[in-house]
Amino acid sequence: MKTQVVDKTGKKIEDITLIEGVFGVKPNDVLLAHYLRVFRTNQRQGNASTKSRGEVSGSGRKPWKQKGTGNARAGSKRSPLWRHGGVAHGPKPKDWGLDFPKRMRRLALLIALSQKQTNEKLIVIDTLKFKNPSTKDASLVLDNLKMTGKNLVILDDTNPDVIKSFNNIKDTRTAFWGNLNTFEILSSKNLLFTKDAILKIQEKYESK
């Protein structure tokens, strides 16, 4: 399959060939749903913690004798029934991490890329370079390419001027092609690749 390469004004420069095995993978909604569940679960820090009756400060002495006072029976001021007492069955630090096989992660990424290509939400630009950080210039590029909504700009190098320019725009984020993940793709409406970035991604996944 072929796709256009445009410049900053949206003018076509050339056509490049996209590999079917990278940008033409059949959709699999079940796999993507499973990936999102695992990804979101792995974002949980699991550091919520409460103190049990054995961890709160306070005396373990019996507050009053068992019988004859008219009060309810009590064995400790640290009981969960008491103010400043421990918490019964409260949360403790826990690892919520779930495993997701490497091959399934790779396939989920390719499916997400293929969906964007099929829905014509993937744009390839010849290059992205600014002399200085400029939100105005970055916004002009998006306007020329008619990119509205949430945009993800995938770069072939970590150019600080370009990153600062796009990250200062609402609903627009940047990513390095080597660190691209499926969640970033699925949570964005449009993808803007530099030509070198998309060629490197194809080279990375073509032989696998």
N, C-alpha and C. Protein backbone atom coordinates (compact mmCIF):
# COMPACT_ATOMS: atom_id res chain seq x y z
N MET A 1 0.85 -1.19 0.00
CA MET A 1 0.00 0.00 0.00
C MET A 1 0.88 1.24 0.00
N LYS A 2 0.35 2.30 -0.57
CA LYS A 2 1.10 3.55 -0.65
C LYS A 2 0.42 4.65 0.15
N THR A 3 1.20 5.60 0.60
CA THR A 3 0.66 6.77 1.28
C THR A 3 1.49 7.98 0.90
N GLN A 4 0.88 9.14 1.04
CA GLN A 4 1.54 10.37 0.63
C GLN A 4 2.49 10.88 1.71
N VAL A 5 3.55 11.53 1.25
CA VAL A 5 4.43 12.30 2.13
C VAL A 5 4.23 13.76 1.78
N VAL A 6 3.89 14.56 2.79
CA VAL A 6 3.60 15.98 2.56
C VAL A 6 4.62 16.85 3.27
N ASP A 7 4.61 18.14 2.92
CA ASP A 7 5.47 19.09 3.62
C ASP A 7 4.66 19.84 4.66
N LYS A 8 5.23 20.86 5.27
CA LYS A 8 4.57 21.58 6.36
C LYS A 8 3.33 22.33 5.90
N THR A 9 3.21 22.57 4.61
CA THR A 9 2.03 23.27 4.09
C THR A 9 0.93 22.31 3.67
N GLY A 10 1.21 21.01 3.73
CA GLY A 10 0.23 20.02 3.31
C GLY A 10 0.35 19.63 1.86
N LYS A 11 1.36 20.14 1.17
CA LYS A 11 1.56 19.83 -0.24
C LYS A 11 2.25 18.48 -0.40
N LYS A 12 1.75 17.67 -1.32
CA LYS A 12 2.32 16.35 -1.56
C LYS A 12 3.71 16.46 -2.16
N ILE A 13 4.63 15.64 -1.62
CA ILE A 13 6.00 15.61 -2.13
C ILE A 13 6.26 14.32 -2.89
N GLU A 14 5.84 13.21 -2.30
CA GLU A 14 6.10 11.91 -2.90
C GLU A 14 5.16 10.88 -2.30
N ASP A 15 5.25 9.66 -2.81
CA ASP A 15 4.54 8.50 -2.24
C ASP A 15 5.57 7.53 -1.68
N ILE A 16 5.22 6.93 -0.54
CA ILE A 16 6.07 5.87 0.00
C ILE A 16 5.21 4.63 0.20
N THR A 17 5.85 3.49 0.18
CA THR A 17 5.14 2.22 0.33
C THR A 17 5.12 1.79 1.79
N LEU A 18 3.94 1.48 2.28
CA LEU A 18 3.78 0.96 3.63
C LEU A 18 3.66 -0.56 3.57
N ILE A 19 4.34 -1.23 4.46
CA ILE A 19 4.36 -2.69 4.47
C ILE A 19 3.05 -3.23 5.04
N GLU A 20 2.47 -4.21 4.35
CA GLU A 20 1.20 -4.80 4.77
C GLU A 20 1.31 -5.43 6.16
N GLY A 21 2.47 -6.02 6.44
CA GLY A 21 2.65 -6.69 7.72
C GLY A 21 2.79 -5.75 8.89
N VAL A 22 2.88 -4.44 8.63
CA VAL A 22 2.99 -3.44 9.70
C VAL A 22 1.77 -2.53 9.74
N PHE A 23 1.32 -2.10 8.57
CA PHE A 23 0.21 -1.16 8.50
C PHE A 23 -1.04 -1.75 7.83
N GLY A 24 -1.02 -3.05 7.62
CA GLY A 24 -2.19 -3.70 7.02
C GLY A 24 -2.63 -4.91 7.81
N VAL A 25 -2.43 -4.89 9.12
CA VAL A 25 -2.79 -6.02 9.98
C VAL A 25 -4.30 -6.02 10.24
N LYS A 26 -4.90 -7.21 10.24
CA LYS A 26 -6.34 -7.33 10.46
C LYS A 26 -6.70 -6.87 11.87
N PRO A 27 -7.85 -6.21 12.03
CA PRO A 27 -8.26 -5.73 13.36
C PRO A 27 -8.59 -6.87 14.31
N ASN A 28 -8.37 -6.62 15.58
CA ASN A 28 -8.68 -7.60 16.63
C ASN A 28 -9.06 -6.82 17.89
N ASP A 29 -10.35 -6.52 18.02
CA ASP A 29 -10.82 -5.70 19.14
C ASP A 29 -10.63 -6.39 20.49
N VAL A 30 -10.71 -7.71 20.50
CA VAL A 30 -10.55 -8.45 21.76
C VAL A 30 -9.13 -8.29 22.29
N LEU A 31 -8.16 -8.39 21.40
CA LEU A 31 -6.77 -8.22 21.81
C LEU A 31 -6.50 -6.81 22.32
N LEU A 32 -7.04 -5.81 21.62
CA LEU A 32 -6.84 -4.43 22.04
C LEU A 32 -7.50 -4.17 23.39
N ALA A 33 -8.69 -4.73 23.62
CA ALA A 33 -9.36 -4.56 24.90
C ALA A 33 -8.54 -5.21 26.02
N HIS A 34 -7.98 -6.36 25.73
CA HIS A 34 -7.13 -7.05 26.72
C HIS A 34 -5.89 -6.22 27.02
N TYR A 35 -5.29 -5.64 25.97
CA TYR A 35 -4.10 -4.80 26.16
C TYR A 35 -4.43 -3.59 27.04
N LEU A 36 -5.56 -2.93 26.77
CA LEU A 36 -5.92 -1.75 27.55
C LEU A 36 -6.17 -2.11 29.01
N ARG A 37 -6.78 -3.24 29.24
CA ARG A 37 -7.01 -3.67 30.63
C ARG A 37 -5.69 -3.87 31.36
N VAL A 38 -4.77 -4.56 30.72
CA VAL A 38 -3.47 -4.82 31.33
C VAL A 38 -2.69 -3.52 31.53
N PHE A 39 -2.71 -2.65 30.52
CA PHE A 39 -1.96 -1.39 30.60
C PHE A 39 -2.47 -0.54 31.75
N ARG A 40 -3.79 -0.36 31.83
CA ARG A 40 -4.36 0.49 32.88
C ARG A 40 -4.15 -0.11 34.26
N THR A 41 -4.25 -1.42 34.36
CA THR A 41 -4.03 -2.07 35.65
C THR A 41 -2.59 -1.88 36.10
N ASN A 42 -1.65 -1.93 35.17
CA ASN A 42 -0.24 -1.77 35.52
C ASN A 42 0.12 -0.34 35.90
N GLN A 43 -0.80 0.61 35.66
CA GLN A 43 -0.54 1.98 36.09
C GLN A 43 -0.84 2.18 37.57
N ARG A 44 -1.53 1.23 38.16
CA ARG A 44 -1.87 1.35 39.58
C ARG A 44 -0.61 1.23 40.42
N GLN A 45 -0.43 2.16 41.34
CA GLN A 45 0.76 2.16 42.17
C GLN A 45 0.68 1.12 43.28
N GLY A 46 -0.52 0.86 43.75
CA GLY A 46 -0.69 -0.15 44.79
C GLY A 46 -0.04 0.22 46.11
N ASN A 47 0.05 1.52 46.42
CA ASN A 47 0.71 1.93 47.66
C ASN A 47 -0.26 2.39 48.74
N ALA A 48 -1.57 2.15 48.55
CA ALA A 48 -2.54 2.48 49.59
C ALA A 48 -2.29 1.59 50.81
N SER A 49 -2.29 2.19 51.98
CA SER A 49 -1.97 1.42 53.18
C SER A 49 -2.69 2.00 54.40
N THR A 50 -3.22 1.13 55.23
CA THR A 50 -3.83 1.53 56.50
C THR A 50 -3.17 0.73 57.62
N LYS A 51 -3.31 1.22 58.84
CA LYS A 51 -2.72 0.54 60.00
C LYS A 51 -3.74 -0.38 60.66
N SER A 52 -3.30 -1.58 60.95
CA SER A 52 -4.14 -2.52 61.68
C SER A 52 -4.08 -2.21 63.17
N ARG A 53 -4.83 -2.92 63.96
CA ARG A 53 -4.84 -2.66 65.39
C ARG A 53 -3.48 -2.95 66.03
N GLY A 54 -2.68 -3.75 65.36
CA GLY A 54 -1.36 -4.04 65.89
C GLY A 54 -0.32 -2.99 65.52
N GLU A 55 -0.69 -2.02 64.65
CA GLU A 55 0.27 -1.03 64.18
C GLU A 55 -0.02 0.38 64.69
N VAL A 56 -1.25 0.66 65.12
CA VAL A 56 -1.56 1.99 65.62
C VAL A 56 -0.94 2.19 67.00
N SER A 57 -0.67 3.45 67.33
CA SER A 57 -0.09 3.74 68.64
C SER A 57 -1.17 3.68 69.72
N GLY A 58 -0.76 3.38 70.89
CA GLY A 58 -1.72 3.30 72.01
C GLY A 58 -1.43 2.08 72.87
N SER A 59 -1.93 2.13 74.07
CA SER A 59 -1.70 1.06 75.03
C SER A 59 -2.53 -0.17 74.69
N GLY A 60 -2.01 -1.30 75.01
CA GLY A 60 -2.76 -2.53 74.84
C GLY A 60 -3.48 -2.95 76.11
N ARG A 61 -3.45 -2.06 77.06
CA ARG A 61 -4.09 -2.37 78.36
C ARG A 61 -5.61 -2.38 78.21
N LYS A 62 -6.25 -3.25 78.97
CA LYS A 62 -7.70 -3.31 78.97
C LYS A 62 -8.24 -2.03 79.61
N PRO A 63 -9.15 -1.29 78.92
CA PRO A 63 -9.59 0.03 79.40
C PRO A 63 -10.28 -0.03 80.76
N TRP A 64 -11.07 -1.02 81.00
CA TRP A 64 -11.75 -1.19 82.29
C TRP A 64 -12.02 -2.66 82.51
N LYS A 65 -12.41 -2.99 83.69
CA LYS A 65 -12.62 -4.40 84.01
C LYS A 65 -13.80 -4.94 83.21
N GLN A 66 -13.84 -6.25 83.12
CA GLN A 66 -14.80 -6.90 82.23
C GLN A 66 -16.24 -6.69 82.69
N LYS A 67 -16.46 -6.74 83.97
CA LYS A 67 -17.83 -6.69 84.47
C LYS A 67 -18.01 -5.61 85.53
N GLY A 68 -19.23 -5.21 85.71
CA GLY A 68 -19.56 -4.34 86.83
C GLY A 68 -19.53 -2.85 86.55
N THR A 69 -19.08 -2.41 85.38
CA THR A 69 -18.99 -0.97 85.12
C THR A 69 -20.22 -0.45 84.39
N GLY A 70 -20.97 -1.33 83.75
CA GLY A 70 -22.09 -0.90 82.93
C GLY A 70 -21.69 -0.59 81.49
N ASN A 71 -20.40 -0.57 81.24
CA ASN A 71 -19.91 -0.34 79.88
C ASN A 71 -19.85 -1.63 79.08
N ALA A 72 -19.82 -1.48 77.79
CA ALA A 72 -19.64 -2.66 76.94
C ALA A 72 -18.25 -3.23 77.15
N ARG A 73 -18.12 -4.50 76.93
CA ARG A 73 -16.82 -5.14 77.09
C ARG A 73 -15.81 -4.57 76.10
N ALA A 74 -14.61 -4.32 76.55
CA ALA A 74 -13.55 -3.78 75.69
C ALA A 74 -12.22 -4.35 76.13
N GLY A 75 -11.42 -4.72 75.15
CA GLY A 75 -10.13 -5.32 75.48
C GLY A 75 -8.95 -4.42 75.16
N SER A 76 -9.14 -3.42 74.27
CA SER A 76 -8.02 -2.56 73.87
C SER A 76 -8.54 -1.28 73.26
N LYS A 77 -7.82 -0.19 73.50
CA LYS A 77 -8.18 1.09 72.88
C LYS A 77 -7.84 1.11 71.39
N ARG A 78 -7.06 0.11 70.96
CA ARG A 78 -6.66 0.06 69.56
C ARG A 78 -7.63 -0.73 68.69
N SER A 79 -8.76 -1.13 69.27
CA SER A 79 -9.76 -1.87 68.53
C SER A 79 -10.31 -1.05 67.36
N PRO A 80 -10.63 -1.66 66.24
CA PRO A 80 -11.23 -0.93 65.11
C PRO A 80 -12.54 -0.25 65.46
N LEU A 81 -13.16 -0.65 66.55
CA LEU A 81 -14.42 -0.03 66.95
C LEU A 81 -14.21 1.33 67.60
N TRP A 82 -13.01 1.59 68.02
CA TRP A 82 -12.72 2.81 68.76
C TRP A 82 -12.15 3.89 67.84
N ARG A 83 -12.38 5.14 68.24
CA ARG A 83 -11.77 6.26 67.55
C ARG A 83 -10.25 6.18 67.72
N HIS A 84 -9.53 6.42 66.65
CA HIS A 84 -8.07 6.30 66.59
C HIS A 84 -7.60 4.85 66.68
N GLY A 85 -8.53 3.93 66.55
CA GLY A 85 -8.14 2.52 66.55
C GLY A 85 -7.66 2.08 65.18
N GLY A 86 -7.31 0.82 65.07
CA GLY A 86 -6.84 0.28 63.80
C GLY A 86 -7.98 0.12 62.80
N VAL A 87 -7.60 -0.16 61.56
CA VAL A 87 -8.58 -0.38 60.49
C VAL A 87 -8.69 -1.87 60.21
N ALA A 88 -9.92 -2.36 60.23
CA ALA A 88 -10.15 -3.78 59.98
C ALA A 88 -10.19 -4.05 58.47
N HIS A 89 -9.39 -4.98 58.01
CA HIS A 89 -9.38 -5.41 56.61
C HIS A 89 -9.10 -4.24 55.65
N GLY A 90 -8.27 -3.30 56.06
CA GLY A 90 -7.93 -2.16 55.21
C GLY A 90 -6.93 -2.53 54.13
N PRO A 91 -6.73 -1.63 53.16
CA PRO A 91 -5.78 -1.92 52.07
C PRO A 91 -4.33 -1.92 52.55
N LYS A 92 -3.53 -2.74 51.91
CA LYS A 92 -2.09 -2.82 52.17
C LYS A 92 -1.36 -2.72 50.84
N PRO A 93 -0.10 -2.29 50.85
CA PRO A 93 0.65 -2.21 49.58
C PRO A 93 0.58 -3.53 48.82
N LYS A 94 0.33 -3.39 47.51
CA LYS A 94 0.12 -4.58 46.69
C LYS A 94 0.61 -4.33 45.28
N ASP A 95 1.16 -5.34 44.67
CA ASP A 95 1.59 -5.25 43.28
C ASP A 95 0.43 -5.69 42.39
N TRP A 96 -0.11 -4.73 41.61
CA TRP A 96 -1.24 -5.03 40.74
C TRP A 96 -0.79 -5.44 39.34
N GLY A 97 0.49 -5.56 39.12
CA GLY A 97 1.02 -5.80 37.79
C GLY A 97 0.49 -7.07 37.14
N LEU A 98 0.15 -6.96 35.85
CA LEU A 98 -0.28 -8.09 35.05
C LEU A 98 0.71 -8.29 33.90
N ASP A 99 0.87 -9.51 33.49
CA ASP A 99 1.80 -9.82 32.41
C ASP A 99 1.08 -9.79 31.07
N PHE A 100 1.78 -9.32 30.06
CA PHE A 100 1.25 -9.30 28.70
C PHE A 100 2.38 -9.74 27.78
N PRO A 101 2.24 -10.89 27.15
CA PRO A 101 3.34 -11.44 26.35
C PRO A 101 3.87 -10.47 25.30
N LYS A 102 5.15 -10.55 25.05
CA LYS A 102 5.82 -9.63 24.12
C LYS A 102 5.21 -9.70 22.73
N ARG A 103 4.89 -10.89 22.25
CA ARG A 103 4.32 -11.03 20.90
C ARG A 103 2.94 -10.39 20.82
N MET A 104 2.18 -10.48 21.90
CA MET A 104 0.85 -9.86 21.92
C MET A 104 0.97 -8.34 21.98
N ARG A 105 1.97 -7.83 22.71
CA ARG A 105 2.21 -6.38 22.75
C ARG A 105 2.55 -5.87 21.35
N ARG A 106 3.41 -6.62 20.67
CA ARG A 106 3.82 -6.23 19.32
C ARG A 106 2.61 -6.23 18.38
N LEU A 107 1.81 -7.29 18.45
CA LEU A 107 0.64 -7.39 17.58
C LEU A 107 -0.36 -6.28 17.86
N ALA A 108 -0.56 -5.95 19.14
CA ALA A 108 -1.50 -4.87 19.50
C ALA A 108 -1.04 -3.54 18.91
N LEU A 109 0.26 -3.28 18.94
CA LEU A 109 0.80 -2.05 18.37
C LEU A 109 0.54 -1.99 16.86
N LEU A 110 0.79 -3.09 16.18
CA LEU A 110 0.60 -3.11 14.72
C LEU A 110 -0.88 -2.99 14.35
N ILE A 111 -1.75 -3.58 15.15
CA ILE A 111 -3.19 -3.46 14.90
C ILE A 111 -3.62 -2.01 15.05
N ALA A 112 -3.13 -1.36 16.10
CA ALA A 112 -3.49 0.05 16.34
C ALA A 112 -3.00 0.94 15.20
N LEU A 113 -1.76 0.71 14.73
CA LEU A 113 -1.23 1.48 13.60
C LEU A 113 -2.05 1.22 12.33
N SER A 114 -2.42 -0.02 12.13
CA SER A 114 -3.19 -0.38 10.93
C SER A 114 -4.57 0.26 10.94
N GLN A 115 -5.17 0.36 12.12
CA GLN A 115 -6.49 1.00 12.21
C GLN A 115 -6.41 2.48 11.84
N LYS A 116 -5.36 3.14 12.30
CA LYS A 116 -5.20 4.56 11.95
C LYS A 116 -5.00 4.73 10.45
N GLN A 117 -4.23 3.84 9.86
CA GLN A 117 -4.00 3.91 8.42
C GLN A 117 -5.29 3.65 7.65
N THR A 118 -6.05 2.66 8.08
CA THR A 118 -7.32 2.32 7.42
C THR A 118 -8.32 3.47 7.52
N ASN A 119 -8.34 4.14 8.68
CA ASN A 119 -9.29 5.23 8.90
C ASN A 119 -8.77 6.58 8.40
N GLU A 120 -7.64 6.54 7.71
CA GLU A 120 -7.02 7.76 7.15
C GLU A 120 -6.72 8.80 8.23
N LYS A 121 -6.26 8.33 9.36
CA LYS A 121 -5.88 9.20 10.46
C LYS A 121 -4.36 9.20 10.68
N LEU A 122 -3.64 8.73 9.67
CA LEU A 122 -2.18 8.67 9.75
C LEU A 122 -1.61 9.55 8.63
N ILE A 123 -0.79 10.51 9.04
CA ILE A 123 -0.19 11.45 8.09
C ILE A 123 1.33 11.36 8.18
N VAL A 124 1.98 11.41 7.04
CA VAL A 124 3.44 11.36 7.01
C VAL A 124 3.96 12.70 6.47
N ILE A 125 4.86 13.32 7.21
CA ILE A 125 5.45 14.60 6.80
C ILE A 125 6.94 14.38 6.53
N ASP A 126 7.48 15.13 5.59
CA ASP A 126 8.87 14.88 5.19
C ASP A 126 9.85 15.13 6.33
N THR A 127 9.67 16.22 7.06
CA THR A 127 10.56 16.53 8.18
C THR A 127 9.89 17.54 9.10
N LEU A 128 10.34 17.57 10.33
CA LEU A 128 9.84 18.54 11.30
C LEU A 128 11.04 19.16 12.01
N LYS A 129 11.35 20.40 11.66
CA LYS A 129 12.46 21.09 12.30
C LYS A 129 12.11 22.58 12.44
N PHE A 130 12.43 23.13 13.61
CA PHE A 130 12.24 24.55 13.86
C PHE A 130 13.57 25.14 14.34
N LYS A 131 13.82 26.38 13.94
CA LYS A 131 15.05 27.04 14.39
C LYS A 131 15.04 27.26 15.91
N ASN A 132 13.86 27.59 16.42
CA ASN A 132 13.67 27.80 17.85
C ASN A 132 12.31 27.23 18.24
N PRO A 133 12.10 26.95 19.52
CA PRO A 133 10.77 26.50 19.94
C PRO A 133 9.71 27.52 19.54
N SER A 134 8.68 27.09 18.84
CA SER A 134 7.65 28.01 18.36
C SER A 134 6.30 27.31 18.33
N THR A 135 5.46 27.64 19.29
CA THR A 135 4.12 27.07 19.32
C THR A 135 3.32 27.52 18.10
N LYS A 136 3.57 28.75 17.67
CA LYS A 136 2.86 29.28 16.51
C LYS A 136 3.16 28.46 15.26
N ASP A 137 4.43 28.15 15.03
CA ASP A 137 4.81 27.36 13.86
C ASP A 137 4.24 25.94 13.94
N ALA A 138 4.27 25.37 15.13
CA ALA A 138 3.74 24.02 15.31
C ALA A 138 2.23 24.00 15.06
N SER A 139 1.53 25.00 15.56
CA SER A 139 0.08 25.10 15.34
C SER A 139 -0.24 25.27 13.87
N LEU A 140 0.60 26.02 13.16
CA LEU A 140 0.40 26.23 11.73
C LEU A 140 0.52 24.92 10.96
N VAL A 141 1.47 24.09 11.36
CA VAL A 141 1.63 22.79 10.72
C VAL A 141 0.36 21.95 10.88
N LEU A 142 -0.17 21.90 12.10
CA LEU A 142 -1.39 21.12 12.36
C LEU A 142 -2.58 21.68 11.58
N ASP A 143 -2.65 23.01 11.50
CA ASP A 143 -3.75 23.63 10.76
C ASP A 143 -3.65 23.32 9.27
N ASN A 144 -2.45 23.38 8.73
CA ASN A 144 -2.25 23.09 7.30
C ASN A 144 -2.60 21.64 6.97
N LEU A 145 -2.36 20.75 7.92
CA LEU A 145 -2.64 19.33 7.70
C LEU A 145 -4.05 18.96 8.14
N LYS A 146 -4.82 19.96 8.62
CA LYS A 146 -6.21 19.77 9.05
C LYS A 146 -6.32 18.70 10.14
N MET A 147 -5.42 18.79 11.11
CA MET A 147 -5.43 17.85 12.22
C MET A 147 -6.12 18.50 13.43
N THR A 148 -7.30 18.00 13.75
CA THR A 148 -8.05 18.51 14.89
C THR A 148 -8.28 17.39 15.89
N GLY A 149 -8.56 17.76 17.13
CA GLY A 149 -8.74 16.75 18.17
C GLY A 149 -7.41 16.39 18.80
N LYS A 150 -7.32 15.19 19.34
CA LYS A 150 -6.09 14.74 19.99
C LYS A 150 -5.09 14.25 18.95
N ASN A 151 -3.90 14.83 18.99
CA ASN A 151 -2.88 14.50 18.01
C ASN A 151 -1.63 13.93 18.68
N LEU A 152 -1.03 12.96 18.02
CA LEU A 152 0.22 12.40 18.49
C LEU A 152 1.26 12.57 17.39
N VAL A 153 2.35 13.27 17.69
CA VAL A 153 3.41 13.53 16.73
C VAL A 153 4.56 12.58 17.02
N ILE A 154 4.88 11.70 16.08
CA ILE A 154 5.93 10.70 16.28
C ILE A 154 7.18 11.15 15.53
N LEU A 155 8.27 11.33 16.29
CA LEU A 155 9.51 11.88 15.74
C LEU A 155 10.56 10.80 15.58
N ASP A 156 11.50 11.08 14.67
CA ASP A 156 12.61 10.14 14.46
C ASP A 156 13.81 10.47 15.35
N ASP A 157 13.80 11.65 15.97
CA ASP A 157 14.85 11.99 16.93
C ASP A 157 14.26 12.90 18.01
N THR A 158 14.99 13.03 19.09
CA THR A 158 14.49 13.82 20.23
C THR A 158 14.93 15.27 20.07
N ASN A 159 14.33 15.96 19.11
CA ASN A 159 14.64 17.36 18.87
C ASN A 159 13.91 18.23 19.90
N PRO A 160 14.64 18.87 20.82
CA PRO A 160 13.98 19.62 21.90
C PRO A 160 13.13 20.78 21.41
N ASP A 161 13.54 21.44 20.31
CA ASP A 161 12.76 22.56 19.79
C ASP A 161 11.39 22.09 19.29
N VAL A 162 11.38 20.97 18.59
CA VAL A 162 10.12 20.43 18.07
C VAL A 162 9.24 19.93 19.21
N ILE A 163 9.85 19.24 20.16
CA ILE A 163 9.08 18.69 21.28
C ILE A 163 8.42 19.80 22.09
N LYS A 164 9.17 20.86 22.40
CA LYS A 164 8.62 21.98 23.16
C LYS A 164 7.51 22.68 22.38
N SER A 165 7.69 22.79 21.08
CA SER A 165 6.70 23.50 20.25
C SER A 165 5.36 22.79 20.25
N PHE A 166 5.37 21.46 20.07
CA PHE A 166 4.11 20.71 19.99
C PHE A 166 3.51 20.42 21.36
N ASN A 167 4.35 20.18 22.35
CA ASN A 167 3.82 19.85 23.67
C ASN A 167 3.12 21.03 24.33
N ASN A 168 3.33 22.21 23.79
CA ASN A 168 2.69 23.40 24.35
C ASN A 168 1.29 23.62 23.77
N ILE A 169 0.88 22.73 22.86
CA ILE A 169 -0.43 22.84 22.22
C ILE A 169 -1.40 21.88 22.91
N LYS A 170 -2.60 22.36 23.18
CA LYS A 170 -3.60 21.55 23.85
C LYS A 170 -3.93 20.30 23.03
N ASP A 171 -4.05 19.17 23.71
CA ASP A 171 -4.42 17.89 23.10
C ASP A 171 -3.41 17.40 22.07
N THR A 172 -2.17 17.87 22.17
CA THR A 172 -1.12 17.41 21.25
C THR A 172 0.09 16.96 22.05
N ARG A 173 0.57 15.76 21.76
CA ARG A 173 1.73 15.22 22.45
C ARG A 173 2.74 14.71 21.43
N THR A 174 3.97 14.55 21.88
CA THR A 174 5.02 14.01 21.01
C THR A 174 5.51 12.68 21.57
N ALA A 175 6.05 11.86 20.69
CA ALA A 175 6.62 10.58 21.10
C ALA A 175 7.79 10.25 20.19
N PHE A 176 8.74 9.51 20.72
CA PHE A 176 9.87 9.03 19.94
C PHE A 176 9.49 7.67 19.35
N TRP A 177 9.81 7.44 18.10
CA TRP A 177 9.35 6.23 17.43
C TRP A 177 9.77 4.95 18.16
N GLY A 178 10.93 4.98 18.80
CA GLY A 178 11.40 3.79 19.49
C GLY A 178 10.68 3.50 20.79
N ASN A 179 9.97 4.50 21.34
CA ASN A 179 9.25 4.32 22.60
C ASN A 179 7.74 4.32 22.41
N LEU A 180 7.29 4.22 21.19
CA LEU A 180 5.86 4.30 20.89
C LEU A 180 5.13 3.11 21.49
N ASN A 181 3.98 3.37 22.13
CA ASN A 181 3.20 2.26 22.67
C ASN A 181 1.75 2.34 22.19
N THR A 182 1.06 1.24 22.32
CA THR A 182 -0.29 1.11 21.79
C THR A 182 -1.27 2.07 22.45
N PHE A 183 -1.12 2.29 23.74
CA PHE A 183 -2.06 3.16 24.45
C PHE A 183 -2.00 4.58 23.90
N GLU A 184 -0.80 5.08 23.60
CA GLU A 184 -0.66 6.42 23.03
C GLU A 184 -1.40 6.52 21.69
N ILE A 185 -1.30 5.47 20.91
CA ILE A 185 -1.94 5.47 19.60
C ILE A 185 -3.46 5.46 19.73
N LEU A 186 -3.97 4.57 20.58
CA LEU A 186 -5.41 4.42 20.73
C LEU A 186 -6.06 5.65 21.37
N SER A 187 -5.30 6.37 22.19
CA SER A 187 -5.88 7.53 22.88
C SER A 187 -5.76 8.80 22.04
N SER A 188 -5.23 8.69 20.83
CA SER A 188 -5.09 9.84 19.93
C SER A 188 -5.99 9.67 18.72
N LYS A 189 -6.48 10.79 18.22
CA LYS A 189 -7.32 10.77 17.03
C LYS A 189 -6.47 10.70 15.77
N ASN A 190 -5.40 11.49 15.72
CA ASN A 190 -4.55 11.56 14.54
C ASN A 190 -3.10 11.24 14.89
N LEU A 191 -2.41 10.63 13.95
CA LEU A 191 -0.98 10.37 14.09
C LEU A 191 -0.23 11.14 13.01
N LEU A 192 0.81 11.85 13.42
CA LEU A 192 1.67 12.57 12.47
C LEU A 192 3.08 12.00 12.59
N PHE A 193 3.50 11.26 11.57
CA PHE A 193 4.83 10.66 11.54
C PHE A 193 5.75 11.51 10.69
N THR A 194 7.00 11.63 11.13
CA THR A 194 8.01 12.10 10.20
C THR A 194 8.36 10.92 9.29
N LYS A 195 8.83 11.22 8.09
CA LYS A 195 9.13 10.15 7.14
C LYS A 195 10.16 9.17 7.70
N ASP A 196 11.21 9.70 8.31
CA ASP A 196 12.25 8.82 8.87
C ASP A 196 11.69 7.95 9.99
N ALA A 197 10.77 8.50 10.79
CA ALA A 197 10.20 7.74 11.90
C ALA A 197 9.40 6.54 11.40
N ILE A 198 8.59 6.75 10.37
CA ILE A 198 7.76 5.66 9.86
C ILE A 198 8.61 4.61 9.14
N LEU A 199 9.69 5.03 8.50
CA LEU A 199 10.59 4.07 7.86
C LEU A 199 11.33 3.23 8.89
N LYS A 200 11.70 3.84 10.01
CA LYS A 200 12.38 3.11 11.07
C LYS A 200 11.45 2.10 11.74
N ILE A 201 10.19 2.47 11.91
CA ILE A 201 9.22 1.55 12.50
C ILE A 201 9.02 0.35 11.57
N GLN A 202 8.94 0.62 10.27
CA GLN A 202 8.79 -0.49 9.32
C GLN A 202 10.01 -1.40 9.34
N GLU A 203 11.16 -0.81 9.43
CA GLU A 203 12.40 -1.61 9.48
C GLU A 203 12.45 -2.46 10.74
N LYS A 204 11.97 -1.92 11.83
CA LYS A 204 12.00 -2.63 13.11
C LYS A 204 11.08 -3.86 13.11
N TYR A 205 9.87 -3.71 12.55
CA TYR A 205 8.89 -4.77 12.64
C TYR A 205 8.75 -5.62 11.37
N GLU A 206 9.44 -5.21 10.29
CA GLU A 206 9.29 -5.93 9.03
C GLU A 206 9.80 -7.36 9.11
N SER A 207 10.93 -7.56 9.75
CA SER A 207 11.58 -8.87 9.72
C SER A 207 11.11 -9.80 10.82
N LYS A 208 10.16 -9.34 11.67
CA LYS A 208 9.73 -10.16 12.80
C LYS A 208 8.39 -10.82 12.50
